[in-house]
Amino acid sequence: MKSLILRTATRPLAALMLLFSIYMLWRGHNEPGGGFIGGLIAAIGYALYAISHGAAAARRVLRVDPRVIAMVGLALAIIAGLVPAFSGEPLFTGKWLFLGDYEGGSGLPLSTVLLFDIGVYLVVLGSVLALVLALEEET
């Protein structure tokens, strides 16, 4: 597409969509949102960039093949699901690790739930981008 207005507006809009997708990812395991909707929002930002600048430019901005992103996300989600099995608990049971010691006696909480959400985010982002970029390259 050769629209100057779309090309000009796409860069800041795509950046805002990526930031909002990360926000949705981080708040997702406590409130509505999470990896799926965050990945969709990020993919829409990249898709908008691909529509306005072309698939080759979008691949240069992305720097990694979308299929690799999806496979890394799938590996993270599987690892997050299998971690509890090593301690004798059912699959996909939430495990928590607290890094550091902050006020109140607890540290920075990291969980397998967050790792799973990040995996889903990457799977959705990679698979949707692979589809969108393939369709964009056809035209």
N, C-alpha and C. Protein backbone atom coordinates (compact mmCIF):
# COMPACT_ATOMS: atom_id res chain seq x y z
N MET A 1 0.85 -1.17 0.00
CA MET A 1 0.00 0.00 0.00
C MET A 1 0.90 1.23 0.00
N LYS A 2 0.54 2.24 -0.75
CA LYS A 2 1.37 3.43 -0.93
C LYS A 2 0.82 4.66 -0.21
N SER A 3 0.06 4.51 0.83
CA SER A 3 -0.51 5.64 1.54
C SER A 3 0.52 6.27 2.46
N LEU A 4 0.83 7.53 2.23
CA LEU A 4 1.80 8.25 3.06
C LEU A 4 1.28 8.40 4.49
N ILE A 5 0.00 8.64 4.65
CA ILE A 5 -0.57 8.80 5.98
C ILE A 5 -0.45 7.50 6.77
N LEU A 6 -0.78 6.37 6.14
CA LEU A 6 -0.67 5.08 6.83
C LEU A 6 0.77 4.76 7.18
N ARG A 7 1.69 5.00 6.24
CA ARG A 7 3.10 4.71 6.50
C ARG A 7 3.64 5.57 7.65
N THR A 8 3.22 6.82 7.72
CA THR A 8 3.69 7.72 8.76
C THR A 8 3.11 7.36 10.12
N ALA A 9 1.85 7.01 10.14
CA ALA A 9 1.17 6.72 11.41
C ALA A 9 1.50 5.33 11.95
N THR A 10 1.98 4.45 11.09
CA THR A 10 2.18 3.06 11.49
C THR A 10 3.27 2.90 12.53
N ARG A 11 4.38 3.58 12.39
CA ARG A 11 5.50 3.38 13.34
C ARG A 11 5.10 3.67 14.79
N PRO A 12 4.59 4.85 15.11
CA PRO A 12 4.21 5.06 16.52
C PRO A 12 3.04 4.18 16.96
N LEU A 13 2.11 3.92 16.05
CA LEU A 13 0.96 3.08 16.41
C LEU A 13 1.40 1.65 16.70
N ALA A 14 2.29 1.11 15.87
CA ALA A 14 2.79 -0.25 16.10
C ALA A 14 3.57 -0.31 17.41
N ALA A 15 4.36 0.71 17.71
CA ALA A 15 5.11 0.73 18.97
C ALA A 15 4.16 0.76 20.17
N LEU A 16 3.10 1.56 20.08
CA LEU A 16 2.12 1.60 21.16
C LEU A 16 1.41 0.25 21.32
N MET A 17 1.11 -0.40 20.20
CA MET A 17 0.45 -1.70 20.28
C MET A 17 1.37 -2.74 20.91
N LEU A 18 2.65 -2.70 20.62
CA LEU A 18 3.59 -3.64 21.25
C LEU A 18 3.68 -3.40 22.75
N LEU A 19 3.74 -2.14 23.15
CA LEU A 19 3.77 -1.83 24.59
C LEU A 19 2.47 -2.29 25.28
N PHE A 20 1.34 -2.04 24.64
CA PHE A 20 0.07 -2.47 25.22
C PHE A 20 -0.02 -3.99 25.28
N SER A 21 0.54 -4.68 24.29
CA SER A 21 0.51 -6.14 24.32
C SER A 21 1.33 -6.67 25.49
N ILE A 22 2.44 -6.04 25.80
CA ILE A 22 3.24 -6.47 26.96
C ILE A 22 2.49 -6.18 28.25
N TYR A 23 1.80 -5.05 28.31
CA TYR A 23 0.97 -4.75 29.48
C TYR A 23 -0.11 -5.82 29.67
N MET A 24 -0.76 -6.20 28.57
CA MET A 24 -1.80 -7.23 28.67
C MET A 24 -1.21 -8.57 29.08
N LEU A 25 -0.01 -8.87 28.63
CA LEU A 25 0.66 -10.11 29.02
C LEU A 25 0.93 -10.12 30.52
N TRP A 26 1.47 -9.04 31.07
CA TRP A 26 1.86 -9.00 32.48
C TRP A 26 0.67 -9.04 33.43
N ARG A 27 -0.43 -8.44 33.04
CA ARG A 27 -1.56 -8.43 33.97
C ARG A 27 -2.47 -9.63 33.79
N GLY A 28 -2.21 -10.47 32.81
CA GLY A 28 -3.12 -11.51 32.40
C GLY A 28 -3.37 -12.62 33.38
N HIS A 29 -2.40 -12.98 34.21
CA HIS A 29 -2.68 -14.11 35.09
C HIS A 29 -3.37 -13.68 36.38
N ASN A 30 -3.58 -12.38 36.57
CA ASN A 30 -4.33 -11.90 37.72
C ASN A 30 -5.68 -11.31 37.32
N GLU A 31 -5.78 -10.80 36.11
CA GLU A 31 -6.98 -10.18 35.60
C GLU A 31 -7.17 -10.61 34.16
N PRO A 32 -8.27 -10.19 33.51
CA PRO A 32 -8.45 -10.58 32.10
C PRO A 32 -7.29 -10.11 31.24
N GLY A 33 -6.92 -10.94 30.31
CA GLY A 33 -5.78 -10.67 29.43
C GLY A 33 -4.88 -11.88 29.44
N GLY A 34 -3.65 -11.69 29.17
CA GLY A 34 -2.69 -12.77 29.21
C GLY A 34 -1.98 -12.96 27.90
N GLY A 35 -1.39 -14.13 27.74
CA GLY A 35 -0.55 -14.41 26.59
C GLY A 35 -1.30 -14.40 25.27
N PHE A 36 -2.50 -14.91 25.26
CA PHE A 36 -3.22 -15.00 23.98
C PHE A 36 -3.59 -13.62 23.45
N ILE A 37 -4.25 -12.82 24.26
CA ILE A 37 -4.66 -11.50 23.78
C ILE A 37 -3.46 -10.60 23.57
N GLY A 38 -2.43 -10.73 24.41
CA GLY A 38 -1.21 -9.95 24.22
C GLY A 38 -0.52 -10.29 22.91
N GLY A 39 -0.46 -11.58 22.60
CA GLY A 39 0.13 -12.00 21.33
C GLY A 39 -0.66 -11.51 20.13
N LEU A 40 -1.98 -11.52 20.23
CA LEU A 40 -2.80 -11.01 19.14
C LEU A 40 -2.59 -9.51 18.92
N ILE A 41 -2.50 -8.76 20.00
CA ILE A 41 -2.29 -7.32 19.87
C ILE A 41 -0.93 -7.03 19.24
N ALA A 42 0.11 -7.75 19.67
CA ALA A 42 1.44 -7.57 19.07
C ALA A 42 1.44 -7.96 17.61
N ALA A 43 0.77 -9.05 17.26
CA ALA A 43 0.70 -9.48 15.87
C ALA A 43 -0.03 -8.46 15.01
N ILE A 44 -1.06 -7.82 15.55
CA ILE A 44 -1.77 -6.80 14.80
C ILE A 44 -0.86 -5.60 14.54
N GLY A 45 -0.03 -5.24 15.52
CA GLY A 45 0.92 -4.15 15.31
C GLY A 45 1.90 -4.47 14.18
N TYR A 46 2.46 -5.68 14.19
CA TYR A 46 3.37 -6.08 13.12
C TYR A 46 2.64 -6.22 11.80
N ALA A 47 1.41 -6.72 11.81
CA ALA A 47 0.64 -6.86 10.57
C ALA A 47 0.36 -5.50 9.96
N LEU A 48 0.04 -4.53 10.79
CA LEU A 48 -0.18 -3.17 10.29
C LEU A 48 1.09 -2.64 9.64
N TYR A 49 2.23 -2.90 10.26
CA TYR A 49 3.51 -2.49 9.69
C TYR A 49 3.76 -3.19 8.36
N ALA A 50 3.44 -4.48 8.29
CA ALA A 50 3.63 -5.23 7.05
C ALA A 50 2.72 -4.72 5.94
N ILE A 51 1.52 -4.34 6.27
CA ILE A 51 0.59 -3.81 5.27
C ILE A 51 1.08 -2.47 4.73
N SER A 52 1.60 -1.63 5.61
CA SER A 52 1.98 -0.29 5.18
C SER A 52 3.37 -0.24 4.55
N HIS A 53 4.30 -1.08 5.01
CA HIS A 53 5.69 -1.01 4.52
C HIS A 53 6.09 -2.21 3.67
N GLY A 54 5.30 -3.25 3.65
CA GLY A 54 5.63 -4.44 2.89
C GLY A 54 6.16 -5.55 3.78
N ALA A 55 6.05 -6.78 3.30
CA ALA A 55 6.44 -7.95 4.10
C ALA A 55 7.94 -8.00 4.33
N ALA A 56 8.74 -7.59 3.34
CA ALA A 56 10.20 -7.63 3.51
C ALA A 56 10.64 -6.67 4.61
N ALA A 57 10.06 -5.49 4.66
CA ALA A 57 10.40 -4.52 5.71
C ALA A 57 9.96 -5.05 7.08
N ALA A 58 8.81 -5.69 7.14
CA ALA A 58 8.33 -6.24 8.41
C ALA A 58 9.25 -7.36 8.88
N ARG A 59 9.74 -8.19 7.97
CA ARG A 59 10.68 -9.25 8.36
C ARG A 59 11.99 -8.67 8.86
N ARG A 60 12.44 -7.55 8.26
CA ARG A 60 13.67 -6.91 8.73
C ARG A 60 13.49 -6.35 10.14
N VAL A 61 12.33 -5.76 10.41
CA VAL A 61 12.05 -5.21 11.74
C VAL A 61 11.94 -6.34 12.77
N LEU A 62 11.33 -7.43 12.37
CA LEU A 62 11.12 -8.57 13.27
C LEU A 62 12.43 -9.27 13.61
N ARG A 63 13.34 -9.39 12.65
CA ARG A 63 14.69 -9.95 12.78
C ARG A 63 14.73 -11.46 13.00
N VAL A 64 13.65 -12.08 13.37
CA VAL A 64 13.61 -13.53 13.62
C VAL A 64 12.44 -14.09 12.82
N ASP A 65 12.63 -15.27 12.26
CA ASP A 65 11.56 -15.91 11.51
C ASP A 65 10.38 -16.19 12.45
N PRO A 66 9.17 -15.85 12.05
CA PRO A 66 8.01 -16.05 12.93
C PRO A 66 7.83 -17.51 13.36
N ARG A 67 8.21 -18.45 12.52
CA ARG A 67 8.08 -19.86 12.91
C ARG A 67 9.01 -20.20 14.07
N VAL A 68 10.18 -19.57 14.10
CA VAL A 68 11.10 -19.78 15.23
C VAL A 68 10.50 -19.21 16.50
N ILE A 69 9.89 -18.04 16.40
CA ILE A 69 9.23 -17.43 17.57
C ILE A 69 8.15 -18.36 18.10
N ALA A 70 7.35 -18.93 17.21
CA ALA A 70 6.28 -19.85 17.63
C ALA A 70 6.85 -21.10 18.29
N MET A 71 7.93 -21.64 17.75
CA MET A 71 8.52 -22.86 18.31
C MET A 71 9.15 -22.60 19.69
N VAL A 72 9.79 -21.46 19.85
CA VAL A 72 10.35 -21.10 21.16
C VAL A 72 9.23 -20.94 22.18
N GLY A 73 8.14 -20.30 21.77
CA GLY A 73 6.99 -20.16 22.66
C GLY A 73 6.38 -21.48 23.05
N LEU A 74 6.29 -22.39 22.09
CA LEU A 74 5.75 -23.73 22.39
C LEU A 74 6.66 -24.46 23.37
N ALA A 75 7.96 -24.33 23.19
CA ALA A 75 8.90 -24.97 24.12
C ALA A 75 8.76 -24.39 25.53
N LEU A 76 8.62 -23.07 25.64
CA LEU A 76 8.43 -22.45 26.96
C LEU A 76 7.14 -22.91 27.62
N ALA A 77 6.07 -23.00 26.86
CA ALA A 77 4.80 -23.45 27.43
C ALA A 77 4.88 -24.90 27.89
N ILE A 78 5.55 -25.74 27.12
CA ILE A 78 5.69 -27.15 27.52
C ILE A 78 6.55 -27.26 28.77
N ILE A 79 7.64 -26.50 28.82
CA ILE A 79 8.51 -26.52 30.01
C ILE A 79 7.73 -26.07 31.24
N ALA A 80 6.94 -25.00 31.09
CA ALA A 80 6.14 -24.51 32.22
C ALA A 80 5.15 -25.55 32.70
N GLY A 81 4.62 -26.33 31.79
CA GLY A 81 3.68 -27.38 32.18
C GLY A 81 4.33 -28.58 32.82
N LEU A 82 5.59 -28.85 32.45
CA LEU A 82 6.27 -30.04 32.97
C LEU A 82 7.03 -29.81 34.27
N VAL A 83 7.35 -28.57 34.60
CA VAL A 83 8.13 -28.28 35.82
C VAL A 83 7.49 -28.89 37.07
N PRO A 84 6.20 -28.75 37.30
CA PRO A 84 5.61 -29.33 38.52
C PRO A 84 5.71 -30.86 38.56
N ALA A 85 5.76 -31.51 37.42
CA ALA A 85 5.83 -32.97 37.40
C ALA A 85 7.13 -33.48 38.03
N PHE A 86 8.18 -32.67 37.96
CA PHE A 86 9.46 -33.08 38.55
C PHE A 86 9.43 -33.06 40.07
N SER A 87 8.47 -32.34 40.65
CA SER A 87 8.34 -32.33 42.10
C SER A 87 7.17 -33.20 42.56
N GLY A 88 6.62 -34.03 41.66
CA GLY A 88 5.57 -34.96 42.03
C GLY A 88 4.18 -34.38 42.04
N GLU A 89 3.99 -33.19 41.49
CA GLU A 89 2.67 -32.56 41.45
C GLU A 89 2.05 -32.75 40.07
N PRO A 90 0.75 -32.53 39.93
CA PRO A 90 0.12 -32.66 38.61
C PRO A 90 0.68 -31.65 37.60
N LEU A 91 0.58 -31.99 36.33
CA LEU A 91 1.03 -31.09 35.27
C LEU A 91 0.30 -29.76 35.35
N PHE A 92 0.97 -28.72 34.98
CA PHE A 92 0.43 -27.36 34.93
C PHE A 92 0.01 -26.81 36.28
N THR A 93 0.53 -27.35 37.37
CA THR A 93 0.32 -26.75 38.68
C THR A 93 1.23 -25.54 38.80
N GLY A 94 0.73 -24.44 39.30
CA GLY A 94 1.53 -23.22 39.42
C GLY A 94 2.61 -23.37 40.47
N LYS A 95 3.85 -23.12 40.09
CA LYS A 95 4.99 -23.13 41.02
C LYS A 95 5.55 -21.72 41.07
N TRP A 96 5.93 -21.26 42.27
CA TRP A 96 6.40 -19.89 42.46
C TRP A 96 7.82 -19.88 42.99
N LEU A 97 8.59 -18.91 42.53
CA LEU A 97 9.94 -18.67 43.00
C LEU A 97 10.04 -17.19 43.32
N PHE A 98 10.54 -16.86 44.51
CA PHE A 98 10.68 -15.46 44.92
C PHE A 98 12.15 -15.09 44.92
N LEU A 99 12.54 -14.19 44.01
CA LEU A 99 13.92 -13.76 43.90
C LEU A 99 14.16 -12.53 44.76
N GLY A 100 15.25 -12.54 45.50
CA GLY A 100 15.59 -11.39 46.32
C GLY A 100 14.77 -11.34 47.59
N ASP A 101 15.02 -10.32 48.37
CA ASP A 101 14.28 -10.12 49.61
C ASP A 101 13.92 -8.65 49.69
N TYR A 102 12.66 -8.34 49.45
CA TYR A 102 12.18 -6.97 49.47
C TYR A 102 11.39 -6.73 50.74
N GLU A 103 10.86 -5.53 50.86
CA GLU A 103 10.06 -5.18 52.03
C GLU A 103 8.91 -6.16 52.20
N GLY A 104 8.65 -6.55 53.39
CA GLY A 104 7.55 -7.46 53.66
C GLY A 104 7.97 -8.92 53.67
N GLY A 105 9.25 -9.19 53.48
CA GLY A 105 9.74 -10.56 53.57
C GLY A 105 9.59 -11.41 52.33
N SER A 106 9.15 -10.82 51.23
CA SER A 106 9.02 -11.61 50.00
C SER A 106 9.88 -10.98 48.91
N GLY A 107 10.11 -11.73 47.87
CA GLY A 107 10.93 -11.24 46.78
C GLY A 107 10.11 -11.05 45.52
N LEU A 108 10.81 -10.87 44.43
CA LEU A 108 10.17 -10.73 43.14
C LEU A 108 9.56 -12.07 42.75
N PRO A 109 8.24 -12.13 42.58
CA PRO A 109 7.60 -13.42 42.29
C PRO A 109 7.73 -13.80 40.81
N LEU A 110 8.27 -14.97 40.57
CA LEU A 110 8.31 -15.56 39.24
C LEU A 110 7.56 -16.88 39.32
N SER A 111 6.80 -17.18 38.28
CA SER A 111 5.98 -18.39 38.35
C SER A 111 5.96 -19.13 37.03
N THR A 112 5.57 -20.39 37.10
CA THR A 112 5.39 -21.16 35.88
C THR A 112 4.17 -20.65 35.11
N VAL A 113 3.25 -20.00 35.80
CA VAL A 113 2.09 -19.42 35.13
C VAL A 113 2.54 -18.31 34.19
N LEU A 114 3.45 -17.47 34.66
CA LEU A 114 3.99 -16.40 33.83
C LEU A 114 4.79 -16.98 32.66
N LEU A 115 5.58 -18.01 32.91
CA LEU A 115 6.33 -18.65 31.84
C LEU A 115 5.39 -19.24 30.79
N PHE A 116 4.31 -19.84 31.22
CA PHE A 116 3.31 -20.38 30.29
C PHE A 116 2.66 -19.25 29.48
N ASP A 117 2.32 -18.15 30.15
CA ASP A 117 1.73 -17.01 29.44
C ASP A 117 2.69 -16.44 28.39
N ILE A 118 3.96 -16.35 28.73
CA ILE A 118 4.95 -15.86 27.77
C ILE A 118 5.05 -16.83 26.59
N GLY A 119 5.00 -18.13 26.87
CA GLY A 119 5.01 -19.11 25.80
C GLY A 119 3.82 -18.98 24.88
N VAL A 120 2.63 -18.81 25.45
CA VAL A 120 1.42 -18.63 24.63
C VAL A 120 1.53 -17.34 23.82
N TYR A 121 2.04 -16.27 24.42
CA TYR A 121 2.24 -15.00 23.73
C TYR A 121 3.11 -15.20 22.49
N LEU A 122 4.23 -15.91 22.66
CA LEU A 122 5.14 -16.13 21.53
C LEU A 122 4.54 -17.05 20.48
N VAL A 123 3.80 -18.07 20.90
CA VAL A 123 3.16 -18.97 19.93
C VAL A 123 2.14 -18.21 19.09
N VAL A 124 1.31 -17.41 19.72
CA VAL A 124 0.29 -16.66 19.00
C VAL A 124 0.96 -15.63 18.08
N LEU A 125 1.94 -14.90 18.60
CA LEU A 125 2.64 -13.90 17.80
C LEU A 125 3.30 -14.54 16.58
N GLY A 126 4.04 -15.61 16.79
CA GLY A 126 4.74 -16.25 15.69
C GLY A 126 3.81 -16.86 14.66
N SER A 127 2.77 -17.54 15.11
CA SER A 127 1.88 -18.20 14.14
C SER A 127 1.05 -17.20 13.35
N VAL A 128 0.54 -16.17 14.00
CA VAL A 128 -0.24 -15.16 13.27
C VAL A 128 0.66 -14.40 12.30
N LEU A 129 1.88 -14.06 12.73
CA LEU A 129 2.78 -13.34 11.83
C LEU A 129 3.21 -14.20 10.65
N ALA A 130 3.42 -15.48 10.87
CA ALA A 130 3.77 -16.36 9.76
C ALA A 130 2.66 -16.36 8.72
N LEU A 131 1.43 -16.41 9.17
CA LEU A 131 0.29 -16.39 8.27
C LEU A 131 0.15 -15.06 7.56
N VAL A 132 0.24 -13.97 8.32
CA VAL A 132 0.05 -12.63 7.73
C VAL A 132 1.17 -12.32 6.75
N LEU A 133 2.40 -12.63 7.09
CA LEU A 133 3.50 -12.32 6.18
C LEU A 133 3.45 -13.19 4.92
N ALA A 134 3.02 -14.43 5.05
CA ALA A 134 2.87 -15.27 3.87
C ALA A 134 1.78 -14.72 2.95
N LEU A 135 0.68 -14.26 3.52
CA LEU A 135 -0.38 -13.68 2.71
C LEU A 135 0.05 -12.35 2.08
N GLU A 136 0.80 -11.57 2.82
CA GLU A 136 1.27 -10.28 2.30
C GLU A 136 2.28 -10.47 1.18
N GLU A 137 3.09 -11.50 1.25
CA GLU A 137 4.09 -11.75 0.21
C GLU A 137 3.42 -12.27 -1.07
N GLU A 138 2.26 -12.87 -0.97
CA GLU A 138 1.53 -13.35 -2.15
C GLU A 138 1.03 -12.21 -3.02
N THR A 139 0.67 -11.10 -2.40
CA THR A 139 0.08 -10.00 -3.17
C THR A 139 1.11 -9.14 -3.83
